Structures are given as C-alpha cells and as structure tokens.
Amino acid sequence: MAKKLIIVSEDKETKFLKKLVSQWPELDRQVTVLPGRGYKHLLSKSEAEELRSSLGNKFKLLVHRDRDSLTDNEVERLKNEYDDESIRLWFTEQSDLEAEFCSADFLMSLLGISRQEADDFIERALNRNTGPIREQFENQRRAHNQELWAAGGSPTNDDVWDSMQHRRLRGAKGKFVFNQLKNVIGQNLFSDDIVIGCENFPEQAVGLARNIRDLLAD
C-alpha cells in the first residue's frame, strides 16, 4: 500500500513513535515518519505547506509535538495555528511519547504483573524524584512562557502544576520516568529494546490513531 501520510516528529529519535503507529497495521502501512530537531525547530504551518507542495501535494502531514507542561488551553491555541484539512498538529496525550509506556496497563502487559505491582513501580519512580521532577516542570514552564506569554499574562506555575496532578505521571516528564523505571524495575526487565520489542500490549495513544484516520479520510 502506498504511503499517504507523513508524520514529522519533534524528536530526532523516532523509535517510540514508530512503535505506537505499529499498533494499527492498516494505518502503519500508509504512514512514514520523519525525525525532527526539537520543538523549537518544529515545522510551522507555512513550512509544512511548503514541504507538502514540494512533494506534489501527494501526502497529508501530521506534525508531532510533545505536550510537555503545556495547559489544555495552550495546546488548543497552538493546534489552531495549523488549522488545515491536509496538515495537522498533534500533541501527545501525556507529557511525551515515552509516557505512553509508563502506564500501569502497559507494565502489566509487559511484565505479567498485577495492577497494584505496576502502580507501585510508578509510584516509586515518582516519589523518589520529587525534586528533579518539579525542577524539570519549572524549566519547561519557563520555556512555554517565553514562547506563548512574552507579553505576560501566563497562568502561575503553581496553578498549572495543580492542574497536572490528574495526569498519569502528575506533571513528570515521561522520558525521565521511563529512565527511572529502568532502575526501579531493572534493565533486564525494562529497557528501550524490551519495550520496543513488546507485542500485544493494551492500546496506547488513541488520539494519534484518531488524527491519522481523520487525515487519511479527507
């Protein structure tokens, strides 16, 4: 089946994004993934339009950006800048792609353990690192405010932090928690290669599939 959609990733390393797309073979066959150079170098809408035009307008484009510590309102504001039937900005549902592999459901499937055991692993990774997690959050909010609120008016960090406590990792970066889980669980059971090699795990990143299907349907 011919490729019909290009996902332009924020990340230079695309193995986790490709792993998520591989959950849906009927979509995977129609998608190719291009690496990026971080969110500061993310394709703007005009750049995405230029890329699409240079390829003969044969491909739809889905631009991937990590949610990081953005609020829901900030995410919607950024998504609206890409409002186009053939180009779309997709944000991860959690902080980043790695966070999708830090869920209790995924750990239960990967390790063959109970939900309580999976939750305990995650809690240990979070509770042992409260200081670095909050510091990373503060640094991300500083960058978000420079990008979106240069003239002032941003929500306070405390308010944003409080709003993120309902998220799976409670404001922590998935990349950071993923690496902490390697220590908590042990790299003989949890590593990049083991996660990438895992099959038949519970569906993750359903919003990614929805965005791909929407673009392919147009």
C-alpha atoms as a PDB file:
ATOM      1  CA  MET A   1       0.000   0.000   0.000  1.00  0.00           C
ATOM      2  CA  ALA A   2       1.340   3.427  -0.952  1.00  0.00           C
ATOM      3  CA  LYS A   3       2.301   5.898   1.739  1.00  0.00           C
ATOM      4  CA  LYS A   4      -0.257   8.669   2.110  1.00  0.00           C
ATOM      5  CA  LEU A   5       0.720  10.488   5.296  1.00  0.00           C
ATOM      6  CA  ILE A   6       3.964  11.805   6.745  1.00  0.00           C
ATOM      7  CA  ILE A   7       4.359  12.260  10.478  1.00  0.00           C
ATOM      8  CA  VAL A   8       7.017  14.896  11.100  1.00  0.00           C
ATOM      9  CA  SER A   9       8.236  14.206  14.608  1.00  0.00           C
ATOM     10  CA  GLU A  10       9.532  16.649  17.163  1.00  0.00           C
ATOM     11  CA  ASP A  11      12.086  14.039  18.193  1.00  0.00           C
ATOM     12  CA  LYS A  12      15.316  13.047  16.488  1.00  0.00           C
ATOM     13  CA  GLU A  13      14.780   9.507  17.771  1.00  0.00           C
ATOM     14  CA  THR A  14      11.566   8.101  16.320  1.00  0.00           C
ATOM     15  CA  LYS A  15      11.503   4.515  17.618  1.00  0.00           C
ATOM     16  CA  PHE A  16       8.801   5.152  20.224  1.00  0.00           C
ATOM     17  CA  LEU A  17       6.605   6.999  17.739  1.00  0.00           C
ATOM     18  CA  LYS A  18       7.023   4.205  15.199  1.00  0.00           C
ATOM     19  CA  LYS A  19       6.200   1.664  17.906  1.00  0.00           C
ATOM     20  CA  LEU A  20       2.941   3.435  18.676  1.00  0.00           C
ATOM     21  CA  VAL A  21       1.973   3.664  14.989  1.00  0.00           C
ATOM     22  CA  SER A  22       2.707  -0.050  14.564  1.00  0.00           C
ATOM     23  CA  GLN A  23      -0.249  -0.821  16.857  1.00  0.00           C
ATOM     24  CA  TRP A  24      -2.500  -0.200  13.853  1.00  0.00           C
ATOM     25  CA  PRO A  25      -1.123  -2.170  10.864  1.00  0.00           C
ATOM     26  CA  GLU A  26      -3.726  -0.766   8.478  1.00  0.00           C
ATOM     27  CA  LEU A  27      -2.511   2.755   9.329  1.00  0.00           C
ATOM     28  CA  ASP A  28       1.155   1.855   9.631  1.00  0.00           C
ATOM     29  CA  ARG A  29       1.217   0.752   6.005  1.00  0.00           C
ATOM     30  CA  GLN A  30       0.139   4.234   4.919  1.00  0.00           C
ATOM     31  CA  VAL A  31       2.436   6.263   7.171  1.00  0.00           C
ATOM     32  CA  THR A  32       6.078   7.279   7.079  1.00  0.00           C
ATOM     33  CA  VAL A  33       7.863   9.040   9.941  1.00  0.00           C
ATOM     34  CA  LEU A  34      10.455  11.800   9.621  1.00  0.00           C
ATOM     35  CA  PRO A  35      12.689  12.788  12.565  1.00  0.00           C
ATOM     36  CA  GLY A  36      12.893  16.331  13.897  1.00  0.00           C
ATOM     37  CA  ARG A  37      15.242  18.536  15.901  1.00  0.00           C
ATOM     38  CA  GLY A  38      13.172  19.517  18.926  1.00  0.00           C
ATOM     39  CA  TYR A  39      10.081  21.683  19.345  1.00  0.00           C
ATOM     40  CA  LYS A  40      11.981  24.918  18.726  1.00  0.00           C
ATOM     41  CA  HIS A  41      12.639  23.681  15.185  1.00  0.00           C
ATOM     42  CA  LEU A  42       9.169  22.234  14.638  1.00  0.00           C
ATOM     43  CA  LEU A  43       7.669  22.820  11.210  1.00  0.00           C
ATOM     44  CA  SER A  44       5.416  25.866  11.192  1.00  0.00           C
ATOM     45  CA  LYS A  45       2.222  25.662   9.178  1.00  0.00           C
ATOM     46  CA  SER A  46       3.787  27.603   6.300  1.00  0.00           C
ATOM     47  CA  GLU A  47       6.832  25.329   6.322  1.00  0.00           C
ATOM     48  CA  ALA A  48       4.572  22.282   6.366  1.00  0.00           C
ATOM     49  CA  GLU A  49       2.651  23.701   3.411  1.00  0.00           C
ATOM     50  CA  GLU A  50       5.907  24.256   1.555  1.00  0.00           C
ATOM     51  CA  LEU A  51       7.045  20.692   2.278  1.00  0.00           C
ATOM     52  CA  ARG A  52       3.736  19.282   1.119  1.00  0.00           C
ATOM     53  CA  SER A  53       3.851  21.363  -2.062  1.00  0.00           C
ATOM     54  CA  SER A  54       7.416  20.276  -2.816  1.00  0.00           C
ATOM     55  CA  LEU A  55       6.189  16.666  -2.681  1.00  0.00           C
ATOM     56  CA  GLY A  56       3.460  17.337  -5.214  1.00  0.00           C
ATOM     57  CA  ASN A  57       0.705  17.600  -2.580  1.00  0.00           C
ATOM     58  CA  LYS A  58       0.638  13.809  -2.534  1.00  0.00           C
ATOM     59  CA  PHE A  59       0.909  13.458   1.232  1.00  0.00           C
ATOM     60  CA  LYS A  60      -1.026  14.649   4.247  1.00  0.00           C
ATOM     61  CA  LEU A  61       1.161  15.931   7.094  1.00  0.00           C
ATOM     62  CA  LEU A  62       0.806  15.300  10.818  1.00  0.00           C
ATOM     63  CA  VAL A  63       3.252  17.337  12.880  1.00  0.00           C
ATOM     64  CA  HIS A  64       4.067  15.762  16.263  1.00  0.00           C
ATOM     65  CA  ARG A  65       4.797  17.856  19.326  1.00  0.00           C
ATOM     66  CA  ASP A  66       5.157  16.731  22.938  1.00  0.00           C
ATOM     67  CA  ARG A  67       2.632  18.166  25.370  1.00  0.00           C
ATOM     68  CA  ASP A  68       5.356  18.694  27.979  1.00  0.00           C
ATOM     69  CA  SER A  69       3.951  21.078  30.620  1.00  0.00           C
ATOM     70  CA  LEU A  70       1.503  22.941  28.389  1.00  0.00           C
ATOM     71  CA  THR A  71      -2.020  23.566  29.644  1.00  0.00           C
ATOM     72  CA  ASP A  72      -5.026  22.346  27.659  1.00  0.00           C
ATOM     73  CA  ASN A  73      -5.777  25.927  26.588  1.00  0.00           C
ATOM     74  CA  GLU A  74      -2.217  26.427  25.370  1.00  0.00           C
ATOM     75  CA  VAL A  75      -2.390  23.183  23.396  1.00  0.00           C
ATOM     76  CA  GLU A  76      -5.598  24.297  21.680  1.00  0.00           C
ATOM     77  CA  ARG A  77      -4.085  27.683  20.887  1.00  0.00           C
ATOM     78  CA  LEU A  78      -1.109  26.044  19.171  1.00  0.00           C
ATOM     79  CA  LYS A  79      -3.220  23.465  17.341  1.00  0.00           C
ATOM     80  CA  ASN A  80      -5.405  26.207  15.892  1.00  0.00           C
ATOM     81  CA  GLU A  81      -2.364  27.679  14.162  1.00  0.00           C
ATOM     82  CA  TYR A  82      -2.275  24.566  11.950  1.00  0.00           C
ATOM     83  CA  ASP A  83      -5.947  24.551  11.028  1.00  0.00           C
ATOM     84  CA  ASP A  84      -5.898  22.897   7.592  1.00  0.00           C
ATOM     85  CA  GLU A  85      -7.606  19.873   6.049  1.00  0.00           C
ATOM     86  CA  SER A  86      -4.275  18.373   4.961  1.00  0.00           C
ATOM     87  CA  ILE A  87      -1.968  19.489   7.795  1.00  0.00           C
ATOM     88  CA  ARG A  88      -2.492  18.991  11.495  1.00  0.00           C
ATOM     89  CA  LEU A  89      -0.543  19.494  14.716  1.00  0.00           C
ATOM     90  CA  TRP A  90      -0.819  16.523  17.073  1.00  0.00           C
ATOM     91  CA  PHE A  91       0.120  16.684  20.735  1.00  0.00           C
ATOM     92  CA  THR A  92       0.853  13.633  22.834  1.00  0.00           C
ATOM     93  CA  GLU A  93      -1.901  12.922  25.342  1.00  0.00           C
ATOM     94  CA  GLN A  94       0.649  12.659  28.121  1.00  0.00           C
ATOM     95  CA  SER A  95       3.855  14.679  28.512  1.00  0.00           C
ATOM     96  CA  ASP A  96       5.675  12.887  25.702  1.00  0.00           C
ATOM     97  CA  LEU A  97       5.841   9.615  23.774  1.00  0.00           C
ATOM     98  CA  GLU A  98       7.747   7.751  26.475  1.00  0.00           C
ATOM     99  CA  ALA A  99       4.933   8.418  28.937  1.00  0.00           C
ATOM    100  CA  GLU A 100       2.717   6.068  26.913  1.00  0.00           C
ATOM    101  CA  PHE A 101       4.986   3.219  28.019  1.00  0.00           C
ATOM    102  CA  CYS A 102       4.881   4.226  31.684  1.00  0.00           C
ATOM    103  CA  SER A 103       1.251   3.300  32.287  1.00  0.00           C
ATOM    104  CA  ALA A 104       0.102   0.585  34.664  1.00  0.00           C
ATOM    105  CA  ASP A 105      -1.694  -1.162  31.808  1.00  0.00           C
ATOM    106  CA  PHE A 106       1.464  -1.320  29.718  1.00  0.00           C
ATOM    107  CA  LEU A 107       3.622  -2.530  32.623  1.00  0.00           C
ATOM    108  CA  MET A 108       1.054  -5.202  33.490  1.00  0.00           C
ATOM    109  CA  SER A 109       1.169  -6.493  29.917  1.00  0.00           C
ATOM    110  CA  LEU A 110       4.946  -6.279  29.573  1.00  0.00           C
ATOM    111  CA  LEU A 111       5.856  -7.808  32.929  1.00  0.00           C
ATOM    112  CA  GLY A 112       2.870 -10.062  33.646  1.00  0.00           C
ATOM    113  CA  ILE A 113       2.228  -8.371  36.994  1.00  0.00           C
ATOM    114  CA  SER A 114      -0.822  -7.113  38.880  1.00  0.00           C
ATOM    115  CA  ARG A 115      -2.141  -3.564  38.678  1.00  0.00           C
ATOM    116  CA  GLN A 116      -1.040  -2.976  42.270  1.00  0.00           C
ATOM    117  CA  GLU A 117       2.516  -4.022  41.446  1.00  0.00           C
ATOM    118  CA  ALA A 118       2.534  -1.826  38.332  1.00  0.00           C
ATOM    119  CA  ASP A 119       1.191   1.157  40.272  1.00  0.00           C
ATOM    120  CA  ASP A 120       3.836   0.588  42.940  1.00  0.00           C
ATOM    121  CA  PHE A 121       6.643   0.703  40.378  1.00  0.00           C
ATOM    122  CA  ILE A 122       5.327   4.002  39.007  1.00  0.00           C
ATOM    123  CA  GLU A 123       4.843   5.500  42.470  1.00  0.00           C
ATOM    124  CA  ARG A 124       8.392   4.563  43.457  1.00  0.00           C
ATOM    125  CA  ALA A 125       9.767   6.219  40.323  1.00  0.00           C
ATOM    126  CA  LEU A 126       7.779   9.378  41.080  1.00  0.00           C
ATOM    127  CA  ASN A 127       8.235   9.573  44.833  1.00  0.00           C
ATOM    128  CA  ARG A 128      11.997   9.071  44.745  1.00  0.00           C
ATOM    129  CA  ASN A 129      12.452  12.041  42.428  1.00  0.00           C
ATOM    130  CA  THR A 130      10.034  14.775  43.501  1.00  0.00           C
ATOM    131  CA  GLY A 131      12.735  17.461  43.458  1.00  0.00           C
ATOM    132  CA  PRO A 132      14.077  16.829  39.928  1.00  0.00           C
ATOM    133  CA  ILE A 133      10.534  16.344  38.599  1.00  0.00           C
ATOM    134  CA  ARG A 134       9.384  19.725  39.896  1.00  0.00           C
ATOM    135  CA  GLU A 135      12.586  21.393  38.654  1.00  0.00           C
ATOM    136  CA  GLN A 136      12.047  19.966  35.152  1.00  0.00           C
ATOM    137  CA  PHE A 137       8.472  21.240  35.247  1.00  0.00           C
ATOM    138  CA  GLU A 138       9.620  24.739  36.234  1.00  0.00           C
ATOM    139  CA  ASN A 139      12.153  24.777  33.393  1.00  0.00           C
ATOM    140  CA  GLN A 140       9.526  23.680  30.890  1.00  0.00           C
ATOM    141  CA  ARG A 141       7.072  26.321  32.077  1.00  0.00           C
ATOM    142  CA  ARG A 142       9.767  28.968  31.720  1.00  0.00           C
ATOM    143  CA  ALA A 143      10.243  27.934  28.082  1.00  0.00           C
ATOM    144  CA  HIS A 144       6.479  27.787  27.461  1.00  0.00           C
ATOM    145  CA  ASN A 145       6.015  31.265  28.906  1.00  0.00           C
ATOM    146  CA  GLN A 146       8.773  32.658  26.693  1.00  0.00           C
ATOM    147  CA  GLU A 147       7.116  31.100  23.668  1.00  0.00           C
ATOM    148  CA  LEU A 148       3.480  31.909  24.403  1.00  0.00           C
ATOM    149  CA  TRP A 149       3.336  34.652  27.001  1.00  0.00           C
ATOM    150  CA  ALA A 150       6.169  37.032  26.141  1.00  0.00           C
ATOM    151  CA  ALA A 151       3.893  39.984  26.904  1.00  0.00           C
ATOM    152  CA  GLY A 152       2.788  38.490  30.213  1.00  0.00           C
ATOM    153  CA  GLY A 153      -0.499  37.007  31.366  1.00  0.00           C
ATOM    154  CA  SER A 154       0.554  33.399  31.784  1.00  0.00           C
ATOM    155  CA  PRO A 155      -1.040  31.186  34.432  1.00  0.00           C
ATOM    156  CA  THR A 156       1.068  30.719  37.553  1.00  0.00           C
ATOM    157  CA  ASN A 157       3.319  27.692  37.781  1.00  0.00           C
ATOM    158  CA  ASP A 158       1.530  26.548  40.926  1.00  0.00           C
ATOM    159  CA  ASP A 159      -1.853  26.635  39.181  1.00  0.00           C
ATOM    160  CA  VAL A 160      -0.506  24.706  36.197  1.00  0.00           C
ATOM    161  CA  TRP A 161       1.192  22.170  38.473  1.00  0.00           C
ATOM    162  CA  ASP A 162      -2.037  21.632  40.396  1.00  0.00           C
ATOM    163  CA  SER A 163      -3.955  21.110  37.148  1.00  0.00           C
ATOM    164  CA  MET A 164      -1.499  18.398  36.105  1.00  0.00           C
ATOM    165  CA  GLN A 165      -1.965  16.237  39.155  1.00  0.00           C
ATOM    166  CA  HIS A 166      -4.762  14.378  37.359  1.00  0.00           C
ATOM    167  CA  ARG A 167      -2.351  13.292  34.623  1.00  0.00           C
ATOM    168  CA  ARG A 168      -0.924   9.805  34.699  1.00  0.00           C
ATOM    169  CA  LEU A 169       2.544  10.986  35.770  1.00  0.00           C
ATOM    170  CA  ARG A 170       1.343  14.042  37.711  1.00  0.00           C
ATOM    171  CA  GLY A 171       3.444  16.610  35.865  1.00  0.00           C
ATOM    172  CA  ALA A 172       6.573  14.482  35.457  1.00  0.00           C
ATOM    173  CA  LYS A 173       8.257  14.027  32.094  1.00  0.00           C
ATOM    174  CA  GLY A 174       7.716  10.617  30.557  1.00  0.00           C
ATOM    175  CA  LYS A 175      11.332  10.460  29.384  1.00  0.00           C
ATOM    176  CA  PHE A 176      12.508  10.961  32.953  1.00  0.00           C
ATOM    177  CA  VAL A 177      10.082   8.453  34.489  1.00  0.00           C
ATOM    178  CA  PHE A 178      10.876   5.906  31.774  1.00  0.00           C
ATOM    179  CA  ASN A 179      14.550   6.049  32.719  1.00  0.00           C
ATOM    180  CA  GLN A 180      13.740   5.850  36.424  1.00  0.00           C
ATOM    181  CA  LEU A 181      11.641   2.741  35.803  1.00  0.00           C
ATOM    182  CA  LYS A 182      14.723   1.078  34.345  1.00  0.00           C
ATOM    183  CA  ASN A 183      16.286   1.397  37.807  1.00  0.00           C
ATOM    184  CA  VAL A 184      13.160   0.569  39.794  1.00  0.00           C
ATOM    185  CA  ILE A 185      12.208  -2.490  37.730  1.00  0.00           C
ATOM    186  CA  GLY A 186      15.667  -3.461  36.477  1.00  0.00           C
ATOM    187  CA  GLN A 187      17.039  -3.141  32.960  1.00  0.00           C
ATOM    188  CA  ASN A 188      16.876  -6.901  32.486  1.00  0.00           C
ATOM    189  CA  LEU A 189      13.074  -6.486  32.521  1.00  0.00           C
ATOM    190  CA  PHE A 190      12.521  -2.883  31.388  1.00  0.00           C
ATOM    191  CA  SER A 191      14.696  -1.193  28.765  1.00  0.00           C
ATOM    192  CA  ASP A 192      14.341   0.572  25.424  1.00  0.00           C
ATOM    193  CA  ASP A 193      14.896  -2.648  23.498  1.00  0.00           C
ATOM    194  CA  ILE A 194      12.499  -4.669  25.651  1.00  0.00           C
ATOM    195  CA  VAL A 195       9.759  -2.061  25.338  1.00  0.00           C
ATOM    196  CA  ILE A 196      10.224  -1.726  21.581  1.00  0.00           C
ATOM    197  CA  GLY A 197      10.106  -5.498  21.244  1.00  0.00           C
ATOM    198  CA  CYS A 198       6.890  -5.872  23.258  1.00  0.00           C
ATOM    199  CA  GLU A 199       3.871  -7.121  21.306  1.00  0.00           C
ATOM    200  CA  ASN A 200       0.133  -7.296  22.003  1.00  0.00           C
ATOM    201  CA  PHE A 201       0.050  -4.607  24.669  1.00  0.00           C
ATOM    202  CA  PRO A 202      -3.078  -2.566  25.529  1.00  0.00           C
ATOM    203  CA  GLU A 203      -3.760   0.192  23.032  1.00  0.00           C
ATOM    204  CA  GLN A 204      -1.883   3.406  23.764  1.00  0.00           C
ATOM    205  CA  ALA A 205      -2.080   6.924  22.268  1.00  0.00           C
ATOM    206  CA  VAL A 206      -5.579   6.524  20.834  1.00  0.00           C
ATOM    207  CA  GLY A 207      -5.535  10.206  19.864  1.00  0.00           C
ATOM    208  CA  LEU A 208      -2.685   9.504  17.472  1.00  0.00           C
ATOM    209  CA  ALA A 209      -4.750   6.880  15.654  1.00  0.00           C
ATOM    210  CA  ARG A 210      -7.725   9.232  15.532  1.00  0.00           C
ATOM    211  CA  ASN A 211      -5.656  12.013  13.977  1.00  0.00           C
ATOM    212  CA  ILE A 212      -4.142   9.693  11.380  1.00  0.00           C
ATOM    213  CA  ARG A 213      -7.549   8.307  10.431  1.00  0.00           C
ATOM    214  CA  ASP A 214      -9.058  11.780  10.180  1.00  0.00           C
ATOM    215  CA  LEU A 215      -6.346  12.981   7.819  1.00  0.00           C
ATOM    216  CA  LEU A 216      -6.470   9.843   5.681  1.00  0.00           C
ATOM    217  CA  ALA A 217     -10.256  10.084   5.421  1.00  0.00           C
ATOM    218  CA  ASP A 218     -10.226  13.595   3.926  1.00  0.00           C
END
